[in-house]
Amino acid sequence: MMSKLKRSIIAWALLSPLVVLSLFPFAVMFITAVKPQAEVLNPTWWPSEIRWQNFIDMWTVTNFGRALFNSLYTSLIATIGAILISIPAAYALSRFRFRGRGAFNQFLLISQMLSPIVLVVGLFRLIAALGLVDNVPTVGVIYMAFNIAFTVWMLQSYFATIPKDLEEAAWMEGASRGQTLIKVFLPLVTPAIAVTAIFTFINAWNEFVIALTLLRRQESYTLPIQVFSLVAGRYTVEWHHVMAATLVATIPVAILFAWLQRYLVRGLSLGAVK
């Protein structure tokens, strides 16, 4: 018992610098968010009083609720759409041998190297020609398009680890390939799908350049643009509102990670076994 306690103490002592470095930015955000406005720029660590009212004021003054909804909306469109499109594509790449398969894999890899900012001018001209500027669902679809190569590449590497014998056994029982995919194959790769969905959601949640280019009205802003608008072009920056908004913006991603952490660990270990 003492040996186990000793190992735990040593482990936490070794991990403590990493824990401090990881939590320090969040501590700064929280302390600044609950400071009175007059003390925000004071070189003091702890405020004279904790102002929870700052979060309420930030929510009403900055139109934060609408921006939160827009970010959730676009991120869910990107995540669900990319996963639904990528599953059959990844399955085909992992199970079928066809001419051009290697070239298609290389195409997926190269397309991930392109930053959205390289294509943003041409993308804006295309969206403007279609009359879809300042349209929130359009931004979600664009996020989906930029993430499909990533999701296909991730999923096909996971799918390749599933033994074909399981599918062949289902075929011998009379199941079609589609039934085998839905009832046998997909339940086995749920951790991999969850991991890929997490990274896709985060990519869409944090995206800044495309949203800044295509969204014009404050009612259409996503969270990165809304937080940016609290700083850019302001003579006086209300840092307590900025930090409160930034802190609240991290909560959905933290909840998503906490909810899917078991799938994250299983999915990462599944991808490591070839």
Protein backbone atom coordinates (compact mmCIF):
# COMPACT_ATOMS: atom_id res chain seq x y z
CA MET A 1 0.00 0.00 0.00
CA MET A 2 2.80 2.41 0.93
CA SER A 3 4.68 1.49 -2.22
CA LYS A 4 1.64 2.40 -4.35
CA LEU A 5 1.19 5.68 -2.48
CA LYS A 6 4.88 6.48 -2.93
CA ARG A 7 4.66 5.83 -6.67
CA SER A 8 1.61 8.10 -6.91
CA ILE A 9 3.40 10.92 -5.07
CA ILE A 10 6.46 10.60 -7.31
CA ALA A 11 4.31 10.51 -10.43
CA TRP A 12 2.37 13.63 -9.43
CA ALA A 13 5.62 15.39 -8.49
CA LEU A 14 7.00 14.69 -11.96
CA LEU A 15 3.74 15.74 -13.63
CA SER A 16 3.28 18.92 -11.60
CA PRO A 17 5.36 21.22 -13.91
CA LEU A 18 3.27 20.07 -16.89
CA VAL A 19 0.03 20.56 -14.95
CA VAL A 20 1.08 24.09 -13.94
CA LEU A 21 2.08 25.04 -17.49
CA SER A 22 -1.19 23.64 -18.89
CA LEU A 23 -3.46 25.34 -16.35
CA PHE A 24 -1.63 28.68 -16.12
CA PRO A 25 -3.31 30.29 -19.20
CA PHE A 26 -6.73 29.24 -17.91
CA ALA A 27 -5.92 30.63 -14.47
CA VAL A 28 -4.95 33.98 -16.01
CA MET A 29 -8.16 34.02 -18.06
CA PHE A 30 -10.31 33.23 -15.04
CA ILE A 31 -8.65 35.75 -12.69
CA THR A 32 -8.87 38.51 -15.29
CA ALA A 33 -12.48 37.62 -16.10
CA VAL A 34 -13.64 38.04 -12.48
CA LYS A 35 -11.67 41.23 -11.75
CA PRO A 36 -13.42 44.60 -11.47
CA GLN A 37 -12.80 46.69 -14.57
CA ALA A 38 -10.61 49.16 -12.69
CA GLU A 39 -8.23 46.39 -11.59
CA VAL A 40 -7.83 44.54 -14.88
CA LEU A 41 -4.49 46.14 -15.75
CA ASN A 42 -3.20 46.29 -12.17
CA PRO A 43 -0.16 44.06 -11.52
CA THR A 44 -1.99 42.08 -8.83
CA TRP A 45 -2.76 38.39 -9.02
CA TRP A 46 -5.96 38.19 -6.97
CA PRO A 47 -8.77 40.79 -7.29
CA SER A 48 -10.11 42.76 -4.36
CA GLU A 49 -13.53 41.26 -5.12
CA ILE A 50 -14.78 38.52 -7.43
CA ARG A 51 -17.16 39.92 -10.04
CA TRP A 52 -19.27 37.06 -11.41
CA GLN A 53 -21.42 39.76 -12.94
CA ASN A 54 -18.72 40.16 -15.61
CA PHE A 55 -19.87 36.94 -17.29
CA ILE A 56 -23.48 38.12 -17.41
CA ASP A 57 -22.45 41.53 -18.74
CA MET A 58 -20.21 39.91 -21.34
CA TRP A 59 -23.04 37.66 -22.51
CA THR A 60 -25.44 40.56 -23.06
CA VAL A 61 -23.03 43.23 -24.29
CA THR A 62 -21.09 41.12 -26.80
CA ASN A 63 -23.98 39.09 -28.27
CA PHE A 64 -22.10 36.01 -27.11
CA GLY A 65 -25.08 33.65 -27.15
CA ARG A 66 -25.62 34.07 -30.89
CA ALA A 67 -21.93 33.59 -31.63
CA LEU A 68 -21.91 30.43 -29.49
CA PHE A 69 -24.88 29.05 -31.42
CA ASN A 70 -23.25 29.87 -34.77
CA SER A 71 -20.03 28.09 -33.78
CA LEU A 72 -21.92 25.03 -32.58
CA TYR A 73 -24.00 25.04 -35.75
CA THR A 74 -21.08 25.29 -38.17
CA SER A 75 -18.95 22.79 -36.21
CA LEU A 76 -21.74 20.22 -36.12
CA ILE A 77 -22.40 20.63 -39.85
CA ALA A 78 -18.69 20.15 -40.54
CA THR A 79 -18.31 17.18 -38.19
CA ILE A 80 -21.45 15.24 -39.09
CA GLY A 81 -21.13 15.92 -42.82
CA ALA A 82 -17.43 15.02 -42.98
CA ILE A 83 -17.94 11.79 -41.03
CA LEU A 84 -20.92 10.67 -43.14
CA ILE A 85 -19.05 11.32 -46.39
CA SER A 86 -15.74 9.89 -45.17
CA ILE A 87 -16.99 6.55 -43.82
CA PRO A 88 -17.80 4.98 -47.23
CA ALA A 89 -14.71 6.57 -48.82
CA ALA A 90 -12.42 5.28 -46.06
CA TYR A 91 -14.06 1.85 -46.21
CA ALA A 92 -13.44 1.66 -49.95
CA LEU A 93 -9.80 2.66 -49.56
CA SER A 94 -9.19 0.12 -46.80
CA ARG A 95 -11.07 -2.83 -48.36
CA PHE A 96 -10.85 -2.53 -52.17
CA ARG A 97 -7.85 -2.63 -54.47
CA PHE A 98 -8.40 -0.50 -57.56
CA ARG A 99 -6.39 1.42 -60.12
CA GLY A 100 -5.40 4.87 -58.86
CA ARG A 101 -5.78 3.99 -55.18
CA GLY A 102 -2.22 5.05 -54.33
CA ALA A 103 -2.57 8.29 -56.29
CA PHE A 104 -5.79 9.08 -54.45
CA ASN A 105 -4.07 8.52 -51.10
CA GLN A 106 -1.31 10.89 -52.14
CA PHE A 107 -3.91 13.43 -53.22
CA LEU A 108 -5.51 13.27 -49.75
CA LEU A 109 -2.12 13.78 -48.10
CA ILE A 110 -1.17 16.72 -50.31
CA SER A 111 -4.57 18.40 -49.90
CA GLN A 112 -4.04 18.46 -46.12
CA MET A 113 -0.93 20.58 -46.64
CA LEU A 114 -2.94 23.43 -48.18
CA SER A 115 -3.86 26.14 -45.72
CA PRO A 116 -7.31 27.71 -46.15
CA ILE A 117 -5.69 31.15 -46.37
CA VAL A 118 -4.07 30.12 -49.69
CA LEU A 119 -7.51 29.52 -51.22
CA VAL A 120 -9.48 32.19 -49.42
CA VAL A 121 -9.51 34.76 -52.27
CA GLY A 122 -10.78 32.32 -54.87
CA LEU A 123 -13.19 30.85 -52.34
CA PHE A 124 -14.61 34.26 -51.56
CA ARG A 125 -15.14 35.04 -55.26
CA LEU A 126 -16.95 31.73 -55.72
CA ILE A 127 -19.18 32.22 -52.67
CA ALA A 128 -19.89 35.84 -53.66
CA ALA A 129 -20.90 34.73 -57.18
CA LEU A 130 -23.36 32.28 -55.61
CA GLY A 131 -24.76 35.00 -53.35
CA LEU A 132 -23.89 33.08 -50.17
CA VAL A 133 -21.68 35.62 -48.39
CA ASP A 134 -22.65 36.10 -44.73
CA ASN A 135 -24.42 32.73 -44.68
CA VAL A 136 -23.68 30.60 -41.61
CA PRO A 137 -24.60 27.17 -43.10
CA THR A 138 -22.33 27.90 -46.05
CA VAL A 139 -19.40 28.38 -43.66
CA GLY A 140 -20.23 25.02 -42.06
CA VAL A 141 -20.23 23.31 -45.47
CA ILE A 142 -16.86 24.88 -46.31
CA TYR A 143 -15.44 23.64 -43.01
CA MET A 144 -16.76 20.19 -43.90
CA ALA A 145 -15.08 20.30 -47.31
CA PHE A 146 -11.72 21.29 -45.81
CA ASN A 147 -11.90 18.47 -43.22
CA ILE A 148 -12.98 15.60 -45.48
CA ALA A 149 -9.42 14.77 -46.60
CA PHE A 150 -8.31 14.62 -42.97
CA THR A 151 -11.23 12.42 -41.86
CA VAL A 152 -10.83 10.00 -44.79
CA TRP A 153 -7.10 9.70 -44.15
CA MET A 154 -7.65 9.06 -40.44
CA LEU A 155 -10.52 6.62 -40.81
CA GLN A 156 -9.01 4.48 -43.53
CA SER A 157 -5.93 3.83 -41.38
CA TYR A 158 -8.21 2.71 -38.54
CA PHE A 159 -10.46 0.65 -40.81
CA ALA A 160 -7.47 -1.28 -42.12
CA THR A 161 -6.92 -2.74 -38.62
CA ILE A 162 -10.31 -4.55 -38.61
CA PRO A 163 -9.91 -8.22 -39.68
CA LYS A 164 -11.71 -9.10 -42.90
CA ASP A 165 -12.70 -12.45 -41.39
CA LEU A 166 -15.47 -10.73 -39.41
CA GLU A 167 -17.05 -9.35 -42.56
CA GLU A 168 -16.66 -12.63 -44.42
CA ALA A 169 -18.42 -14.45 -41.59
CA ALA A 170 -21.35 -12.05 -41.89
CA TRP A 171 -21.46 -12.56 -45.66
CA MET A 172 -21.64 -16.32 -45.14
CA GLU A 173 -24.68 -15.74 -42.94
CA GLY A 174 -26.40 -13.99 -45.84
CA ALA A 175 -25.74 -10.34 -44.95
CA SER A 176 -25.12 -7.90 -47.78
CA ARG A 177 -22.05 -5.68 -47.87
CA GLY A 178 -24.13 -2.69 -46.75
CA GLN A 179 -25.64 -4.63 -43.83
CA THR A 180 -22.19 -5.86 -42.84
CA LEU A 181 -20.83 -2.31 -42.92
CA ILE A 182 -23.61 -0.96 -40.69
CA LYS A 183 -24.17 -3.84 -38.27
CA VAL A 184 -20.72 -5.44 -37.99
CA PHE A 185 -18.06 -3.02 -39.17
CA LEU A 186 -19.17 0.35 -37.81
CA PRO A 187 -19.71 -0.81 -34.17
CA LEU A 188 -16.11 -2.02 -34.13
CA VAL A 189 -14.71 1.33 -35.30
CA THR A 190 -16.81 3.57 -33.04
CA PRO A 191 -13.72 4.73 -31.07
CA ALA A 192 -11.96 5.67 -34.31
CA ILE A 193 -14.99 7.60 -35.54
CA ALA A 194 -15.23 9.40 -32.18
CA VAL A 195 -11.55 10.41 -32.28
CA THR A 196 -11.87 11.70 -35.84
CA ALA A 197 -15.07 13.57 -34.97
CA ILE A 198 -13.35 15.27 -32.00
CA PHE A 199 -10.49 16.60 -34.14
CA THR A 200 -12.87 17.67 -36.91
CA PHE A 201 -15.08 19.50 -34.42
CA ILE A 202 -12.08 21.31 -32.91
CA ASN A 203 -10.76 22.29 -36.35
CA ALA A 204 -14.11 23.84 -37.23
CA TRP A 205 -14.59 25.38 -33.77
CA ASN A 206 -11.23 27.20 -33.88
CA GLU A 207 -11.26 28.23 -37.56
CA PHE A 208 -10.76 31.97 -38.04
CA VAL A 209 -9.71 32.98 -41.58
CA ILE A 210 -12.70 31.66 -43.54
CA ALA A 211 -15.21 32.99 -41.02
CA LEU A 212 -13.52 36.40 -41.02
CA THR A 213 -13.65 36.52 -44.83
CA LEU A 214 -17.22 35.32 -45.39
CA LEU A 215 -19.16 36.64 -42.38
CA ARG A 216 -20.11 40.32 -42.34
CA ARG A 217 -22.81 40.95 -39.75
CA GLN A 218 -22.35 40.49 -36.02
CA GLU A 219 -25.42 38.23 -35.96
CA SER A 220 -23.48 35.79 -38.17
CA TYR A 221 -20.20 35.82 -36.25
CA THR A 222 -18.72 32.62 -34.87
CA LEU A 223 -16.90 32.67 -31.54
CA PRO A 224 -13.36 33.34 -32.87
CA ILE A 225 -14.65 36.34 -34.85
CA GLN A 226 -16.77 37.56 -31.93
CA VAL A 227 -13.81 37.46 -29.53
CA PHE A 228 -11.61 39.12 -32.16
CA SER A 229 -14.16 41.92 -32.55
CA LEU A 230 -13.80 42.71 -28.85
CA VAL A 231 -10.15 43.64 -29.43
CA ALA A 232 -9.76 44.80 -33.04
CA GLY A 233 -10.39 48.46 -33.79
CA ARG A 234 -11.22 49.34 -30.18
CA TYR A 235 -9.82 52.44 -28.51
CA THR A 236 -10.42 50.85 -25.11
CA VAL A 237 -10.36 47.07 -24.77
CA GLU A 238 -12.49 45.65 -21.98
CA TRP A 239 -10.17 42.80 -21.10
CA HIS A 240 -12.44 41.34 -18.43
CA HIS A 241 -15.07 40.78 -21.13
CA VAL A 242 -12.48 39.40 -23.56
CA MET A 243 -11.16 36.92 -20.99
CA ALA A 244 -14.66 35.93 -19.90
CA ALA A 245 -15.65 35.27 -23.51
CA THR A 246 -12.46 33.31 -24.18
CA LEU A 247 -12.94 31.20 -21.07
CA VAL A 248 -16.56 30.38 -21.87
CA ALA A 249 -15.61 29.58 -25.48
CA THR A 250 -13.33 26.76 -24.26
CA ILE A 251 -16.07 25.07 -22.24
CA PRO A 252 -17.87 23.18 -25.10
CA VAL A 253 -14.59 21.66 -26.29
CA ALA A 254 -13.66 20.69 -22.72
CA ILE A 255 -17.06 19.04 -22.25
CA LEU A 256 -16.66 17.19 -25.56
CA PHE A 257 -13.25 15.88 -24.54
CA ALA A 258 -14.51 14.80 -21.10
CA TRP A 259 -17.52 13.05 -22.63
CA LEU A 260 -15.54 11.20 -25.31
CA GLN A 261 -12.24 10.64 -23.50
CA ARG A 262 -12.75 6.86 -23.25
CA TYR A 263 -13.23 6.70 -27.02
CA LEU A 264 -10.22 8.97 -27.50
CA VAL A 265 -7.90 6.58 -25.65
CA ARG A 266 -9.34 3.48 -27.33
CA GLY A 267 -9.27 5.09 -30.75
CA LEU A 268 -5.67 6.23 -30.47
CA SER A 269 -4.55 2.79 -29.28
CA LEU A 270 -6.55 1.14 -32.08
CA GLY A 271 -4.74 3.21 -34.69
CA ALA A 272 -1.39 2.21 -33.24
CA VAL A 273 -2.00 -1.51 -33.82
CA LYS A 274 -1.37 -2.60 -37.40
